[in-house]
Amino acid sequence: MTLFLSEQDVRSLLDMKEVVAAVEECFEQESSGRAFNSPRTRSVAEGSVLNVMHASLQYLGRAGAKCYLSSEKGTKFLFILFQLRDAEPLAVMAADMLGRFRTGAASAVATKHLHRSKDFSFAVCGAGRQALTQVLAMAEVASLSSVRVWGPHTERRVLLAEQLRKLGFSAAAYGSLSDALRGAEVVTTITTSKDPFLTGELVDQVGHLNLCGSNSSSRSEASPDCIGKFQTVAVDDLAQSKLESGDLVGAEKKGFFSWEKAVELKDIVGGKVQPAGRTLFKSNGVAIEDVAAASLVYDKAMKRGGFSEGSYEV
């Protein structure tokens, strides 16, 4: 029987510590050839874009596909989980919160393996719907001495800082980007910006940077000279990054970056590549993360005995 899980169901089953561990494992398994990712594809129509991404995790015996449609009225996310041995569709689940958790987890895994210190001041640039999970995930791999919040919208950044303080973080909102970054050792960007706002000068003191907001070659959060400040540049999937990483595409055109310099996160997590110098992770969001997180949700749902008929609304 195929299990149907709503956003409420999925959220009740998501635990950030578990998702971080699952995402870390999927990259380690990909390094050993037991996980296979396919880059995202898009179908564009007037006023809407259908996005589809899929992967197989041999070590779990699972495969899955996430599809989501973005229109003028918003975006809706669905994930379908299959069993490899008999092609059985195990679950169909809403995937908005699933995506927020796995995206935060990927940043945390990258920071854990790329940055030496595990106790640092952290700045998050962006205070929208994905910002909170970025902070929660980072707290699973490091002791955050402080969280500095910046975003273009005053109400959102103030609200996020208040949320974080209620959760026990030492957090403050900043109206100035330069003030927010001052003293921050690790920075994550998670914005919808079309144009770069991070420059090389702004990140002079940053040891590790996660760029997470853009997955389009025409969008960028960091200027070419900003990219050029970092000696190790990691990506979640090289083929997908060449299609979607506007930050890196722009830096290459200006001579601040070469694709030969890029390393895949799987090789760092798997111990095949050792990071050196200042480090950067360009996250586009890949399907192996979705399959790993969705498998975790499915297994926990089955242990709880599934859900009632009222949970079937996606």
C-alpha atoms as a PDB file:
ATOM      1  CA  MET A   1       0.000   0.000   0.000  1.00  0.00           C
ATOM      2  CA  THR A   2       1.315   3.428  -0.947  1.00  0.00           C
ATOM      3  CA  LEU A   3       1.504   5.825   1.994  1.00  0.00           C
ATOM      4  CA  PHE A   4       0.272   9.402   1.492  1.00  0.00           C
ATOM      5  CA  LEU A   5       1.742  12.065   3.778  1.00  0.00           C
ATOM      6  CA  SER A   6       0.696  15.692   4.098  1.00  0.00           C
ATOM      7  CA  GLU A   7       2.976  18.604   4.989  1.00  0.00           C
ATOM      8  CA  GLN A   8       1.775  18.312   8.571  1.00  0.00           C
ATOM      9  CA  ASP A   9       2.621  14.597   8.622  1.00  0.00           C
ATOM     10  CA  VAL A  10       6.078  15.148   7.170  1.00  0.00           C
ATOM     11  CA  ARG A  11       6.872  17.996   9.540  1.00  0.00           C
ATOM     12  CA  SER A  12       5.893  15.880  12.536  1.00  0.00           C
ATOM     13  CA  LEU A  13       8.419  13.235  11.470  1.00  0.00           C
ATOM     14  CA  LEU A  14      11.369  15.462  10.585  1.00  0.00           C
ATOM     15  CA  ASP A  15      14.169  15.697  13.120  1.00  0.00           C
ATOM     16  CA  MET A  16      17.107  17.878  12.087  1.00  0.00           C
ATOM     17  CA  LYS A  17      19.782  15.760  13.743  1.00  0.00           C
ATOM     18  CA  GLU A  18      18.532  12.707  11.862  1.00  0.00           C
ATOM     19  CA  VAL A  19      18.268  14.569   8.548  1.00  0.00           C
ATOM     20  CA  VAL A  20      21.837  15.902   8.855  1.00  0.00           C
ATOM     21  CA  ALA A  21      23.083  12.351   9.482  1.00  0.00           C
ATOM     22  CA  ALA A  22      21.066  10.996   6.534  1.00  0.00           C
ATOM     23  CA  VAL A  23      22.326  13.680   4.151  1.00  0.00           C
ATOM     24  CA  GLU A  24      25.919  13.141   5.269  1.00  0.00           C
ATOM     25  CA  GLU A  25      25.537   9.416   4.648  1.00  0.00           C
ATOM     26  CA  CYS A  26      24.100   9.904   1.157  1.00  0.00           C
ATOM     27  CA  PHE A  27      27.186  11.889   0.074  1.00  0.00           C
ATOM     28  CA  GLU A  28      29.507   9.314   1.632  1.00  0.00           C
ATOM     29  CA  GLN A  29      27.666   6.535  -0.175  1.00  0.00           C
ATOM     30  CA  GLU A  30      27.732   8.498  -3.436  1.00  0.00           C
ATOM     31  CA  SER A  31      31.504   8.688  -3.068  1.00  0.00           C
ATOM     32  CA  SER A  32      31.665   4.881  -2.918  1.00  0.00           C
ATOM     33  CA  GLY A  33      29.365   4.446  -5.932  1.00  0.00           C
ATOM     34  CA  ARG A  34      26.213   3.391  -4.075  1.00  0.00           C
ATOM     35  CA  ALA A  35      24.136   6.546  -4.722  1.00  0.00           C
ATOM     36  CA  PHE A  36      23.320   8.074  -8.095  1.00  0.00           C
ATOM     37  CA  ASN A  37      22.087  11.612  -8.735  1.00  0.00           C
ATOM     38  CA  SER A  38      20.465  13.107 -11.832  1.00  0.00           C
ATOM     39  CA  PRO A  39      20.524  16.897 -12.417  1.00  0.00           C
ATOM     40  CA  ARG A  40      17.263  18.830 -12.210  1.00  0.00           C
ATOM     41  CA  THR A  41      15.293  19.394 -15.420  1.00  0.00           C
ATOM     42  CA  ARG A  42      12.730  22.113 -16.067  1.00  0.00           C
ATOM     43  CA  SER A  43       9.673  22.465 -18.269  1.00  0.00           C
ATOM     44  CA  VAL A  44       8.814  26.112 -18.864  1.00  0.00           C
ATOM     45  CA  ALA A  45       5.380  27.363 -19.847  1.00  0.00           C
ATOM     46  CA  GLU A  46       3.947  30.867 -19.748  1.00  0.00           C
ATOM     47  CA  GLY A  47       3.757  31.882 -16.097  1.00  0.00           C
ATOM     48  CA  SER A  48       4.949  28.551 -14.666  1.00  0.00           C
ATOM     49  CA  VAL A  49       7.930  26.201 -14.390  1.00  0.00           C
ATOM     50  CA  LEU A  50       7.786  22.468 -13.653  1.00  0.00           C
ATOM     51  CA  ASN A  51      10.946  21.203 -11.950  1.00  0.00           C
ATOM     52  CA  VAL A  52      11.814  17.494 -11.736  1.00  0.00           C
ATOM     53  CA  MET A  53      14.777  15.823 -10.006  1.00  0.00           C
ATOM     54  CA  HIS A  54      15.454  12.192  -9.174  1.00  0.00           C
ATOM     55  CA  ALA A  55      18.039   9.841  -7.698  1.00  0.00           C
ATOM     56  CA  SER A  56      18.653   6.235  -6.670  1.00  0.00           C
ATOM     57  CA  LEU A  57      20.172   5.207  -3.340  1.00  0.00           C
ATOM     58  CA  GLN A  58      21.349   1.637  -3.761  1.00  0.00           C
ATOM     59  CA  TYR A  59      22.463   1.364  -0.138  1.00  0.00           C
ATOM     60  CA  LEU A  60      18.874   2.011   1.014  1.00  0.00           C
ATOM     61  CA  GLY A  61      17.198   0.070  -1.777  1.00  0.00           C
ATOM     62  CA  ARG A  62      15.210   3.198  -2.628  1.00  0.00           C
ATOM     63  CA  ALA A  63      14.776   5.647  -5.506  1.00  0.00           C
ATOM     64  CA  GLY A  64      12.653   8.731  -5.764  1.00  0.00           C
ATOM     65  CA  ALA A  65      11.632  11.812  -7.674  1.00  0.00           C
ATOM     66  CA  LYS A  66      10.688  15.275  -6.513  1.00  0.00           C
ATOM     67  CA  CYS A  67       8.566  17.456  -8.733  1.00  0.00           C
ATOM     68  CA  TYR A  68       7.400  20.953  -7.993  1.00  0.00           C
ATOM     69  CA  LEU A  69       5.529  23.559  -9.972  1.00  0.00           C
ATOM     70  CA  SER A  70       6.252  27.250  -9.545  1.00  0.00           C
ATOM     71  CA  SER A  71       3.614  29.680 -10.725  1.00  0.00           C
ATOM     72  CA  GLU A  72       2.543  33.239 -10.063  1.00  0.00           C
ATOM     73  CA  LYS A  73       0.516  31.943  -7.110  1.00  0.00           C
ATOM     74  CA  GLY A  74       3.394  30.090  -5.429  1.00  0.00           C
ATOM     75  CA  THR A  75       5.101  26.704  -5.502  1.00  0.00           C
ATOM     76  CA  LYS A  76       3.833  23.230  -4.608  1.00  0.00           C
ATOM     77  CA  PHE A  77       6.198  20.317  -3.888  1.00  0.00           C
ATOM     78  CA  LEU A  78       5.619  16.555  -4.157  1.00  0.00           C
ATOM     79  CA  PHE A  79       7.944  13.603  -3.632  1.00  0.00           C
ATOM     80  CA  ILE A  80       7.439   9.987  -4.772  1.00  0.00           C
ATOM     81  CA  LEU A  81       9.466   7.246  -3.079  1.00  0.00           C
ATOM     82  CA  PHE A  82      10.003   3.835  -4.732  1.00  0.00           C
ATOM     83  CA  GLN A  83      11.462   0.518  -3.596  1.00  0.00           C
ATOM     84  CA  LEU A  84      14.205  -0.644  -5.950  1.00  0.00           C
ATOM     85  CA  ARG A  85      13.776  -4.412  -5.691  1.00  0.00           C
ATOM     86  CA  ASP A  86      10.176  -4.570  -6.891  1.00  0.00           C
ATOM     87  CA  ALA A  87       9.414  -1.042  -8.198  1.00  0.00           C
ATOM     88  CA  GLU A  88       6.796  -0.648  -5.456  1.00  0.00           C
ATOM     89  CA  PRO A  89       5.708   2.976  -4.883  1.00  0.00           C
ATOM     90  CA  LEU A  90       6.196   3.286  -1.118  1.00  0.00           C
ATOM     91  CA  ALA A  91       4.989   6.825  -0.523  1.00  0.00           C
ATOM     92  CA  VAL A  92       3.787  10.083  -1.982  1.00  0.00           C
ATOM     93  CA  MET A  93       4.491  13.005   0.302  1.00  0.00           C
ATOM     94  CA  ALA A  94       4.330  16.776   0.357  1.00  0.00           C
ATOM     95  CA  ALA A  95       7.881  18.069   0.120  1.00  0.00           C
ATOM     96  CA  ASP A  96       8.125  21.721   1.110  1.00  0.00           C
ATOM     97  CA  MET A  97       9.402  21.145   4.661  1.00  0.00           C
ATOM     98  CA  LEU A  98      11.357  18.147   3.423  1.00  0.00           C
ATOM     99  CA  GLY A  99      13.253  20.485   1.087  1.00  0.00           C
ATOM    100  CA  ARG A 100      13.883  23.076   3.766  1.00  0.00           C
ATOM    101  CA  PHE A 101      15.354  20.490   6.124  1.00  0.00           C
ATOM    102  CA  ARG A 102      17.571  18.759   3.559  1.00  0.00           C
ATOM    103  CA  THR A 103      18.878  22.087   2.204  1.00  0.00           C
ATOM    104  CA  GLY A 104      19.864  23.181   5.704  1.00  0.00           C
ATOM    105  CA  ALA A 105      21.381  19.767   6.341  1.00  0.00           C
ATOM    106  CA  ALA A 106      23.532  19.967   3.203  1.00  0.00           C
ATOM    107  CA  SER A 107      25.003  23.294   4.372  1.00  0.00           C
ATOM    108  CA  ALA A 108      25.731  21.789   7.774  1.00  0.00           C
ATOM    109  CA  VAL A 109      27.416  18.718   6.289  1.00  0.00           C
ATOM    110  CA  ALA A 110      29.536  20.900   3.995  1.00  0.00           C
ATOM    111  CA  THR A 111      30.556  23.159   6.874  1.00  0.00           C
ATOM    112  CA  LYS A 112      31.424  20.170   9.069  1.00  0.00           C
ATOM    113  CA  HIS A 113      33.802  18.772   6.453  1.00  0.00           C
ATOM    114  CA  LEU A 114      35.178  22.005   4.999  1.00  0.00           C
ATOM    115  CA  HIS A 115      35.650  24.238   8.047  1.00  0.00           C
ATOM    116  CA  ARG A 116      38.135  23.403  10.790  1.00  0.00           C
ATOM    117  CA  SER A 117      36.545  25.162  13.747  1.00  0.00           C
ATOM    118  CA  LYS A 118      33.408  23.775  15.390  1.00  0.00           C
ATOM    119  CA  ASP A 119      32.768  26.856  17.540  1.00  0.00           C
ATOM    120  CA  PHE A 120      32.169  30.040  15.574  1.00  0.00           C
ATOM    121  CA  SER A 121      30.119  33.149  15.008  1.00  0.00           C
ATOM    122  CA  PHE A 122      27.593  32.473  12.250  1.00  0.00           C
ATOM    123  CA  ALA A 123      25.834  34.901   9.922  1.00  0.00           C
ATOM    124  CA  VAL A 124      22.783  34.022   7.844  1.00  0.00           C
ATOM    125  CA  CYS A 125      21.984  36.310   4.922  1.00  0.00           C
ATOM    126  CA  GLY A 126      18.300  35.994   4.183  1.00  0.00           C
ATOM    127  CA  ALA A 127      15.381  35.740   6.585  1.00  0.00           C
ATOM    128  CA  GLY A 128      12.772  33.981   4.457  1.00  0.00           C
ATOM    129  CA  ARG A 129      11.159  30.552   4.760  1.00  0.00           C
ATOM    130  CA  GLN A 130      14.435  28.592   4.494  1.00  0.00           C
ATOM    131  CA  ALA A 131      16.574  30.646   6.881  1.00  0.00           C
ATOM    132  CA  LEU A 132      15.488  29.013  10.155  1.00  0.00           C
ATOM    133  CA  THR A 133      16.355  25.485   9.020  1.00  0.00           C
ATOM    134  CA  GLN A 134      19.797  26.687   7.929  1.00  0.00           C
ATOM    135  CA  VAL A 135      20.512  27.796  11.490  1.00  0.00           C
ATOM    136  CA  LEU A 136      18.967  24.699  13.088  1.00  0.00           C
ATOM    137  CA  ALA A 137      21.060  22.423  10.890  1.00  0.00           C
ATOM    138  CA  MET A 138      24.279  24.334  11.572  1.00  0.00           C
ATOM    139  CA  ALA A 139      23.673  23.966  15.298  1.00  0.00           C
ATOM    140  CA  GLU A 140      23.783  20.182  14.860  1.00  0.00           C
ATOM    141  CA  VAL A 141      27.416  20.225  13.696  1.00  0.00           C
ATOM    142  CA  ALA A 142      28.850  23.195  15.623  1.00  0.00           C
ATOM    143  CA  SER A 143      28.536  25.336  18.721  1.00  0.00           C
ATOM    144  CA  LEU A 144      27.276  28.677  17.446  1.00  0.00           C
ATOM    145  CA  SER A 145      28.719  31.396  19.645  1.00  0.00           C
ATOM    146  CA  SER A 146      26.341  33.866  18.007  1.00  0.00           C
ATOM    147  CA  VAL A 147      23.929  34.109  15.083  1.00  0.00           C
ATOM    148  CA  ARG A 148      23.927  37.322  13.090  1.00  0.00           C
ATOM    149  CA  VAL A 149      20.843  37.825  10.899  1.00  0.00           C
ATOM    150  CA  TRP A 150      20.625  40.049   7.855  1.00  0.00           C
ATOM    151  CA  GLY A 151      17.921  40.332   5.218  1.00  0.00           C
ATOM    152  CA  PRO A 152      16.526  43.079   2.996  1.00  0.00           C
ATOM    153  CA  HIS A 153      13.162  43.048   4.808  1.00  0.00           C
ATOM    154  CA  THR A 154      13.265  44.569   8.294  1.00  0.00           C
ATOM    155  CA  GLU A 155      10.263  42.701   9.707  1.00  0.00           C
ATOM    156  CA  ARG A 156      11.515  39.309   8.543  1.00  0.00           C
ATOM    157  CA  ARG A 157      15.038  39.641   9.931  1.00  0.00           C
ATOM    158  CA  VAL A 158      13.761  40.943  13.277  1.00  0.00           C
ATOM    159  CA  LEU A 159      11.235  38.100  13.481  1.00  0.00           C
ATOM    160  CA  LEU A 160      13.879  35.475  12.665  1.00  0.00           C
ATOM    161  CA  ALA A 161      16.220  36.841  15.349  1.00  0.00           C
ATOM    162  CA  GLU A 162      13.355  36.726  17.867  1.00  0.00           C
ATOM    163  CA  GLN A 163      12.555  33.123  16.880  1.00  0.00           C
ATOM    164  CA  LEU A 164      16.176  32.117  17.353  1.00  0.00           C
ATOM    165  CA  ARG A 165      16.433  33.763  20.764  1.00  0.00           C
ATOM    166  CA  LYS A 166      13.309  31.883  21.887  1.00  0.00           C
ATOM    167  CA  LEU A 167      15.067  28.686  20.805  1.00  0.00           C
ATOM    168  CA  GLY A 168      18.056  29.539  22.977  1.00  0.00           C
ATOM    169  CA  PHE A 169      20.424  31.089  20.433  1.00  0.00           C
ATOM    170  CA  SER A 170      22.354  34.298  20.977  1.00  0.00           C
ATOM    171  CA  ALA A 171      20.935  36.092  17.929  1.00  0.00           C
ATOM    172  CA  ALA A 172      20.692  39.655  16.658  1.00  0.00           C
ATOM    173  CA  ALA A 173      19.262  41.284  13.536  1.00  0.00           C
ATOM    174  CA  TYR A 174      21.319  43.771  11.528  1.00  0.00           C
ATOM    175  CA  GLY A 175      20.099  46.407   9.087  1.00  0.00           C
ATOM    176  CA  SER A 176      23.519  46.591   7.445  1.00  0.00           C
ATOM    177  CA  LEU A 177      25.032  43.630   5.605  1.00  0.00           C
ATOM    178  CA  SER A 178      28.575  44.721   6.439  1.00  0.00           C
ATOM    179  CA  ASP A 179      27.669  44.946  10.144  1.00  0.00           C
ATOM    180  CA  ALA A 180      26.121  41.474  10.048  1.00  0.00           C
ATOM    181  CA  LEU A 181      29.225  39.965   8.483  1.00  0.00           C
ATOM    182  CA  ARG A 182      31.683  41.720  10.779  1.00  0.00           C
ATOM    183  CA  GLY A 183      33.192  39.026  12.973  1.00  0.00           C
ATOM    184  CA  ALA A 184      31.303  36.156  11.337  1.00  0.00           C
ATOM    185  CA  GLU A 185      33.570  33.180  10.678  1.00  0.00           C
ATOM    186  CA  VAL A 186      30.960  31.157   8.762  1.00  0.00           C
ATOM    187  CA  VAL A 187      28.302  32.690   6.493  1.00  0.00           C
ATOM    188  CA  THR A 188      25.302  31.171   4.733  1.00  0.00           C
ATOM    189  CA  THR A 189      23.298  32.980   2.062  1.00  0.00           C
ATOM    190  CA  ILE A 190      19.726  31.830   1.476  1.00  0.00           C
ATOM    191  CA  THR A 191      18.024  34.591  -0.516  1.00  0.00           C
ATOM    192  CA  THR A 192      16.015  35.024  -3.700  1.00  0.00           C
ATOM    193  CA  SER A 193      18.354  37.720  -4.992  1.00  0.00           C
ATOM    194  CA  LYS A 194      18.878  37.887  -8.746  1.00  0.00           C
ATOM    195  CA  ASP A 195      21.974  40.055  -8.474  1.00  0.00           C
ATOM    196  CA  PRO A 196      25.112  39.512  -6.346  1.00  0.00           C
ATOM    197  CA  PHE A 197      25.238  41.344  -3.030  1.00  0.00           C
ATOM    198  CA  LEU A 198      28.319  39.655  -1.525  1.00  0.00           C
ATOM    199  CA  THR A 199      31.611  41.183  -2.672  1.00  0.00           C
ATOM    200  CA  GLY A 200      35.173  40.160  -2.058  1.00  0.00           C
ATOM    201  CA  GLU A 201      35.650  43.018   0.388  1.00  0.00           C
ATOM    202  CA  LEU A 202      32.644  41.955   2.471  1.00  0.00           C
ATOM    203  CA  VAL A 203      33.928  38.406   2.950  1.00  0.00           C
ATOM    204  CA  ASP A 204      37.562  39.254   3.733  1.00  0.00           C
ATOM    205  CA  GLN A 205      37.252  37.780   7.238  1.00  0.00           C
ATOM    206  CA  VAL A 206      34.990  34.830   6.362  1.00  0.00           C
ATOM    207  CA  GLY A 207      36.572  31.395   6.687  1.00  0.00           C
ATOM    208  CA  HIS A 208      33.754  29.400   5.115  1.00  0.00           C
ATOM    209  CA  LEU A 209      30.832  30.452   2.903  1.00  0.00           C
ATOM    210  CA  ASN A 210      27.691  28.510   1.936  1.00  0.00           C
ATOM    211  CA  LEU A 211      25.876  29.911  -1.104  1.00  0.00           C
ATOM    212  CA  CYS A 212      22.403  28.352  -1.086  1.00  0.00           C
ATOM    213  CA  GLY A 213      19.857  30.777  -2.513  1.00  0.00           C
ATOM    214  CA  SER A 214      20.235  30.449  -6.270  1.00  0.00           C
ATOM    215  CA  ASN A 215      19.855  27.452  -8.562  1.00  0.00           C
ATOM    216  CA  SER A 216      19.754  29.302 -11.878  1.00  0.00           C
ATOM    217  CA  SER A 217      22.598  30.291 -14.180  1.00  0.00           C
ATOM    218  CA  SER A 218      21.036  33.756 -14.468  1.00  0.00           C
ATOM    219  CA  ARG A 219      20.956  34.427 -10.709  1.00  0.00           C
ATOM    220  CA  SER A 220      23.780  35.055  -8.274  1.00  0.00           C
ATOM    221  CA  GLU A 221      24.321  35.975  -4.620  1.00  0.00           C
ATOM    222  CA  ALA A 222      28.116  36.448  -4.805  1.00  0.00           C
ATOM    223  CA  SER A 223      30.178  38.582  -7.160  1.00  0.00           C
ATOM    224  CA  PRO A 224      33.042  37.053  -9.186  1.00  0.00           C
ATOM    225  CA  ASP A 225      35.688  38.679  -6.972  1.00  0.00           C
ATOM    226  CA  CYS A 226      33.958  37.172  -3.935  1.00  0.00           C
ATOM    227  CA  ILE A 227      34.244  33.669  -5.428  1.00  0.00           C
ATOM    228  CA  GLY A 228      37.906  34.348  -6.137  1.00  0.00           C
ATOM    229  CA  LYS A 229      38.617  34.793  -2.412  1.00  0.00           C
ATOM    230  CA  PHE A 230      38.167  31.088  -1.679  1.00  0.00           C
ATOM    231  CA  GLN A 231      40.767  28.398  -2.327  1.00  0.00           C
ATOM    232  CA  THR A 232      38.484  25.355  -2.069  1.00  0.00           C
ATOM    233  CA  VAL A 233      35.173  25.487  -3.949  1.00  0.00           C
ATOM    234  CA  ALA A 234      32.843  22.533  -3.389  1.00  0.00           C
ATOM    235  CA  VAL A 235      29.588  21.773  -5.222  1.00  0.00           C
ATOM    236  CA  ASP A 236      26.874  19.222  -4.483  1.00  0.00           C
ATOM    237  CA  ASP A 237      26.883  17.892  -8.067  1.00  0.00           C
ATOM    238  CA  LEU A 238      29.284  19.064 -10.774  1.00  0.00           C
ATOM    239  CA  ALA A 239      26.995  18.445 -13.757  1.00  0.00           C
ATOM    240  CA  GLN A 240      24.066  20.196 -12.081  1.00  0.00           C
ATOM    241  CA  SER A 241      26.278  23.032 -10.874  1.00  0.00           C
ATOM    242  CA  LYS A 242      27.490  23.811 -14.381  1.00  0.00           C
ATOM    243  CA  LEU A 243      23.848  24.230 -15.391  1.00  0.00           C
ATOM    244  CA  GLU A 244      22.565  26.120 -12.334  1.00  0.00           C
ATOM    245  CA  SER A 245      25.331  27.880 -10.386  1.00  0.00           C
ATOM    246  CA  GLY A 246      25.046  31.460 -11.577  1.00  0.00           C
ATOM    247  CA  ASP A 247      27.627  32.542  -8.990  1.00  0.00           C
ATOM    248  CA  LEU A 248      30.276  30.200 -10.402  1.00  0.00           C
ATOM    249  CA  VAL A 249      29.278  30.696 -14.044  1.00  0.00           C
ATOM    250  CA  GLY A 250      29.705  34.448 -13.629  1.00  0.00           C
ATOM    251  CA  ALA A 251      33.023  34.058 -11.803  1.00  0.00           C
ATOM    252  CA  GLU A 252      34.366  31.826 -14.566  1.00  0.00           C
ATOM    253  CA  LYS A 253      33.465  34.364 -17.234  1.00  0.00           C
ATOM    254  CA  LYS A 254      35.372  37.064 -15.342  1.00  0.00           C
ATOM    255  CA  GLY A 255      38.422  34.872 -14.755  1.00  0.00           C
ATOM    256  CA  PHE A 256      37.961  34.449 -10.974  1.00  0.00           C
ATOM    257  CA  PHE A 257      37.142  30.742 -11.125  1.00  0.00           C
ATOM    258  CA  SER A 258      37.760  27.623 -13.194  1.00  0.00           C
ATOM    259  CA  TRP A 259      35.580  24.519 -13.190  1.00  0.00           C
ATOM    260  CA  GLU A 260      38.779  22.497 -12.872  1.00  0.00           C
ATOM    261  CA  LYS A 261      38.996  23.995  -9.378  1.00  0.00           C
ATOM    262  CA  ALA A 262      35.584  22.675  -8.309  1.00  0.00           C
ATOM    263  CA  VAL A 263      35.374  19.555  -6.142  1.00  0.00           C
ATOM    264  CA  GLU A 264      32.251  17.552  -5.416  1.00  0.00           C
ATOM    265  CA  LEU A 265      31.042  17.361  -1.845  1.00  0.00           C
ATOM    266  CA  LYS A 266      30.905  13.566  -2.056  1.00  0.00           C
ATOM    267  CA  ASP A 267      34.686  13.429  -2.510  1.00  0.00           C
ATOM    268  CA  ILE A 268      35.296  15.620   0.525  1.00  0.00           C
ATOM    269  CA  VAL A 269      32.851  13.701   2.724  1.00  0.00           C
ATOM    270  CA  GLY A 270      34.279  10.432   1.397  1.00  0.00           C
ATOM    271  CA  GLY A 271      37.813  11.514   2.278  1.00  0.00           C
ATOM    272  CA  LYS A 272      39.128  11.542  -1.306  1.00  0.00           C
ATOM    273  CA  VAL A 273      39.860  15.291  -1.305  1.00  0.00           C
ATOM    274  CA  GLN A 274      41.227  17.377   1.556  1.00  0.00           C
ATOM    275  CA  PRO A 275      40.054  21.020   1.675  1.00  0.00           C
ATOM    276  CA  ALA A 276      42.687  23.735   1.835  1.00  0.00           C
ATOM    277  CA  GLY A 277      42.600  27.433   2.666  1.00  0.00           C
ATOM    278  CA  ARG A 278      39.337  29.339   2.806  1.00  0.00           C
ATOM    279  CA  THR A 279      36.384  27.236   1.709  1.00  0.00           C
ATOM    280  CA  LEU A 280      33.119  27.731  -0.184  1.00  0.00           C
ATOM    281  CA  PHE A 281      30.172  25.415  -0.767  1.00  0.00           C
ATOM    282  CA  LYS A 282      27.785  26.157  -3.627  1.00  0.00           C
ATOM    283  CA  SER A 283      24.524  24.372  -2.883  1.00  0.00           C
ATOM    284  CA  ASN A 284      21.953  23.900  -5.631  1.00  0.00           C
ATOM    285  CA  GLY A 285      20.014  21.148  -3.884  1.00  0.00           C
ATOM    286  CA  VAL A 286      20.295  17.631  -5.293  1.00  0.00           C
ATOM    287  CA  ALA A 287      17.941  14.680  -5.439  1.00  0.00           C
ATOM    288  CA  ILE A 288      20.067  12.250  -3.401  1.00  0.00           C
ATOM    289  CA  GLU A 289      19.376  14.544  -0.426  1.00  0.00           C
ATOM    290  CA  ASP A 290      15.626  14.321  -1.077  1.00  0.00           C
ATOM    291  CA  VAL A 291      15.625  10.530  -1.341  1.00  0.00           C
ATOM    292  CA  ALA A 292      17.658  10.214   1.867  1.00  0.00           C
ATOM    293  CA  ALA A 293      15.366  12.556   3.813  1.00  0.00           C
ATOM    294  CA  ALA A 294      12.170  11.062   2.355  1.00  0.00           C
ATOM    295  CA  SER A 295      13.326   7.545   3.234  1.00  0.00           C
ATOM    296  CA  LEU A 296      13.870   8.679   6.798  1.00  0.00           C
ATOM    297  CA  VAL A 297      10.347  10.126   6.933  1.00  0.00           C
ATOM    298  CA  TYR A 298       8.817   6.997   5.413  1.00  0.00           C
ATOM    299  CA  ASP A 299      10.562   4.616   7.817  1.00  0.00           C
ATOM    300  CA  LYS A 300       9.462   6.669  10.830  1.00  0.00           C
ATOM    301  CA  ALA A 301       5.897   6.836   9.522  1.00  0.00           C
ATOM    302  CA  MET A 302       5.776   3.064   9.142  1.00  0.00           C
ATOM    303  CA  LYS A 303       7.086   2.563  12.671  1.00  0.00           C
ATOM    304  CA  ARG A 304       4.221   4.734  13.881  1.00  0.00           C
ATOM    305  CA  GLY A 305       1.772   2.575  11.985  1.00  0.00           C
ATOM    306  CA  GLY A 306       1.029   4.964   9.122  1.00  0.00           C
ATOM    307  CA  PHE A 307      -1.529   7.741   9.295  1.00  0.00           C
ATOM    308  CA  SER A 308      -5.257   8.156   9.287  1.00  0.00           C
ATOM    309  CA  GLU A 309      -7.344   8.840   6.216  1.00  0.00           C
ATOM    310  CA  GLY A 310      -7.410  12.540   7.109  1.00  0.00           C
ATOM    311  CA  SER A 311      -3.684  12.742   6.441  1.00  0.00           C
ATOM    312  CA  TYR A 312      -4.038  11.933   2.752  1.00  0.00           C
ATOM    313  CA  GLU A 313      -4.507  15.513   1.638  1.00  0.00           C
ATOM    314  CA  VAL A 314      -1.179  16.603   0.131  1.00  0.00           C
END
